Protein backbone atom coordinates (compact mmCIF):
# COMPACT_ATOMS: atom_id res chain seq x y z
CA MET A 1 131.42 -59.41 117.46
CA TYR A 2 134.04 -62.19 117.60
CA LYS A 3 137.71 -62.04 116.78
CA TYR A 4 138.20 -65.71 115.57
CA PHE A 5 134.86 -67.08 114.76
CA LEU A 6 131.66 -66.10 113.12
CA GLY A 7 129.43 -67.48 115.87
CA ILE A 8 126.55 -68.38 113.71
CA ASP A 9 127.54 -71.86 112.22
CA ILE A 10 129.33 -74.48 114.29
CA ASP A 11 130.52 -76.40 111.20
CA SER A 12 132.45 -73.47 109.73
CA ASP A 13 133.72 -72.40 113.20
CA CYS A 14 134.97 -75.93 113.75
CA GLU A 15 136.89 -75.74 110.54
CA THR A 16 138.46 -72.52 111.64
CA LEU A 17 139.35 -74.06 115.01
CA LEU A 18 140.81 -77.14 113.25
CA GLU A 19 143.17 -74.86 111.18
CA HIS A 20 144.44 -73.33 114.40
CA VAL A 21 144.95 -76.75 115.89
CA LYS A 22 146.80 -77.97 112.75
CA ASN A 23 149.16 -75.11 113.00
CA MET A 24 150.36 -76.32 116.39
CA LYS A 25 153.10 -78.92 116.74
CA LEU A 26 151.53 -81.66 118.79
CA HIS A 27 153.82 -83.96 120.75
CA ARG A 28 153.60 -87.69 121.46
CA ALA A 29 152.57 -88.67 124.93
CA ASN A 30 154.70 -91.64 126.11
CA ASN A 31 152.69 -91.81 129.27
CA ARG A 32 149.50 -92.77 127.27
CA LYS A 33 150.91 -95.70 125.32
CA ASP A 34 148.70 -98.16 127.25
CA LEU A 35 145.62 -96.39 125.93
CA ASN A 36 146.75 -96.58 122.34
CA ASN A 37 147.85 -100.32 121.77
CA GLY A 38 151.44 -99.58 122.96
CA LYS A 39 152.04 -96.61 120.60
CA ALA A 40 152.62 -93.14 121.96
CA PRO A 41 149.69 -91.01 120.67
CA PHE A 42 149.61 -87.37 119.78
CA SER A 43 147.89 -86.16 122.95
CA CYS A 44 148.89 -82.85 124.58
CA VAL A 45 147.70 -80.91 127.62
CA TYR A 46 147.01 -77.23 127.08
CA GLY A 47 147.08 -75.68 130.53
CA ASN A 48 149.27 -76.47 133.44
CA VAL A 49 150.81 -79.77 134.65
CA LYS A 50 151.66 -80.95 138.08
CA TRP A 51 153.69 -84.04 137.28
CA SER A 52 156.96 -82.53 135.89
CA LYS A 53 158.77 -79.31 136.38
CA TYR A 54 161.13 -80.30 133.45
CA SER A 55 160.42 -80.61 129.69
CA ASN A 56 163.21 -82.17 127.59
CA GLY A 57 165.77 -81.53 130.30
CA ARG A 58 164.91 -77.77 130.81
CA PRO A 59 162.78 -76.30 133.49
CA ARG A 60 159.16 -75.50 132.81
CA PRO A 61 157.83 -72.07 133.87
CA GLU A 62 155.86 -72.16 137.01
CA ASP A 63 152.18 -71.08 136.58
CA PRO A 64 151.99 -67.88 138.56
CA GLU A 65 148.24 -68.40 139.13
CA ASN A 66 148.67 -71.97 140.31
CA PRO A 67 151.79 -72.39 142.57
CA GLY A 68 153.30 -75.83 142.39
CA LYS A 69 152.03 -76.40 138.86
CA TYR A 70 153.98 -75.73 135.67
CA ILE A 71 152.80 -74.38 132.25
CA SER A 72 152.49 -77.17 129.77
CA LYS A 73 154.72 -77.24 126.79
CA LEU A 74 151.87 -76.60 124.44
CA LYS A 75 150.67 -73.62 126.31
CA GLU A 76 154.12 -72.25 126.52
CA GLU A 77 154.62 -72.65 122.74
CA TYR A 78 151.16 -71.27 121.79
CA PRO A 79 149.98 -68.88 124.52
CA PHE A 80 147.50 -67.13 122.12
CA PHE A 81 145.59 -70.39 121.67
CA GLU A 82 143.87 -69.81 125.10
CA GLU A 83 142.09 -66.76 123.60
CA ILE A 84 140.95 -68.86 120.61
CA ILE A 85 139.53 -71.73 122.65
CA ARG A 86 137.88 -69.36 125.25
CA GLU A 87 136.07 -67.63 122.46
CA PHE A 88 135.00 -70.91 120.77
CA THR A 89 133.60 -72.37 124.06
CA SER A 90 131.88 -69.11 124.97
CA ILE A 91 129.90 -69.46 121.78
CA TYR A 92 129.26 -73.22 121.61
CA ASN A 93 129.77 -74.57 125.14
CA PRO A 94 129.24 -71.59 127.50
CA ASN A 95 128.27 -73.58 130.64
CA GLN A 96 131.39 -75.83 130.64
CA GLU A 97 133.87 -74.85 133.14
CA TYR A 98 137.42 -76.00 132.51
CA SER A 99 140.97 -75.36 133.31
CA HIS A 100 142.67 -77.60 130.74
CA VAL A 101 142.24 -78.86 127.25
CA VAL A 102 143.67 -82.07 125.95
CA ILE A 103 144.27 -82.07 122.24
CA ASN A 104 144.42 -85.47 120.63
CA LYS A 105 145.21 -86.34 117.02
CA ASN A 106 144.27 -89.77 115.51
CA PHE A 107 144.01 -91.27 119.02
CA GLU A 108 141.89 -94.39 118.93
CA CYS A 109 142.01 -94.74 122.78
CA ASN A 110 141.24 -98.03 124.58
CA PRO A 111 138.60 -98.21 127.38
CA HIS A 112 139.70 -96.19 130.39
CA MET A 113 138.60 -93.75 133.13
CA ASP A 114 140.30 -90.41 133.55
CA ALA A 115 142.37 -90.55 136.70
CA SER A 116 142.92 -86.82 137.19
CA ASN A 117 139.78 -85.14 135.92
CA VAL A 118 137.46 -83.59 138.30
CA GLY A 119 133.70 -83.36 137.50
CA VAL A 120 132.10 -83.16 134.00
CA SER A 121 134.31 -82.87 130.95
CA SER A 122 133.24 -81.89 127.47
CA ILE A 123 134.63 -83.34 124.14
CA ILE A 124 134.27 -82.38 120.50
CA GLY A 125 135.63 -83.92 117.41
CA LEU A 126 137.29 -82.14 114.42
CA GLY A 127 138.79 -83.26 111.10
CA LYS A 128 137.70 -85.38 108.14
CA TYR A 129 137.18 -88.74 109.46
CA GLY A 130 134.65 -91.65 109.41
CA GLY A 131 133.85 -93.67 112.48
CA GLY A 132 135.63 -92.64 115.65
CA LEU A 133 132.44 -92.62 117.87
CA LEU A 134 132.79 -92.12 121.59
CA SER A 135 131.52 -95.00 123.58
CA ILE A 136 130.69 -94.72 127.36
CA GLU A 137 129.74 -97.47 129.72
CA LYS A 138 127.12 -96.00 132.08
CA ASP A 139 124.85 -97.99 134.49
CA GLY A 140 125.67 -101.28 132.63
CA GLN A 141 124.77 -99.89 129.26
CA GLU A 142 126.93 -98.70 126.39
CA ILE A 143 126.12 -95.26 125.10
CA THR A 144 127.56 -94.31 121.76
CA LYS A 145 127.95 -90.58 120.66
CA ASP A 146 129.06 -88.97 117.51
CA ILE A 147 131.15 -85.96 118.62
CA TYR A 148 131.85 -84.64 115.21
CA HIS A 149 131.44 -80.87 115.48
CA SER A 150 129.24 -81.49 118.55
CA PHE A 151 130.05 -81.06 122.22
CA PHE A 152 129.24 -84.04 124.46
CA SER A 153 129.69 -83.73 128.27
CA PHE A 154 130.17 -86.59 130.78
CA ASP A 155 132.34 -87.52 133.83
CA GLY A 156 135.14 -89.42 132.43
CA SER A 157 136.47 -90.12 135.92
CA LYS A 158 133.37 -92.12 136.78
CA TYR A 159 132.55 -93.89 133.54
CA LEU A 160 134.61 -96.20 131.31
CA HIS A 161 134.96 -94.72 127.80
CA TRP A 162 136.90 -95.27 124.53
CA VAL A 163 136.92 -94.43 120.76
CA SER A 164 135.75 -96.77 118.09
CA PRO A 165 138.05 -97.37 115.03
CA PHE A 166 138.01 -94.66 112.42
CA THR A 167 139.50 -93.70 109.04
CA GLY A 168 140.88 -90.33 108.10
CA GLU A 169 142.24 -87.55 110.33
CA ARG A 170 140.46 -87.26 113.63
CA TYR A 171 141.18 -84.62 116.32
CA SER A 172 139.39 -84.42 119.61
CA LEU A 173 139.52 -81.61 122.17
CA VAL A 174 138.63 -82.54 125.76
CA PHE A 175 137.89 -79.64 128.12
CA TYR A 176 138.22 -80.57 131.81
CA ASN A 177 139.24 -79.60 135.34
CA TYR A 178 141.73 -81.14 137.65
């Protein structure tokens, strides 16, 4: 028996997950402007961060399980969300190990490779949108994947990847380690 999800239909459980995500205040990521045609996208890390011990001029709490790393603003504001995503991934992507989740909203990212990710990441798309396919350049070929309500795994630190244009409201959740 699950607390948040039915565990029998990924589409209805994705809608439930989306409602939880929509209830979170996502922040703009000024450090990702280059991936979004010069505009700061809504793209937030849920986990811990190593690059800043301050958030808006105030100290971030240090992660007691990871000395030298700090709890991300999103995790500090929504600590209960960890239980929600752990349950969701235990049902629909149980073999993916991850320490962090990036939550993106309407982020049509340009071609890039993930600088900090270690190993295989998984991504899933949520929302009501058309287009927004994930493209990956692997071994000289372009692979295109529809991630709507479907996990796809690949090593984003080894392969160039991007999102095609889309209409509507598109969220993506990227589960990764670093």
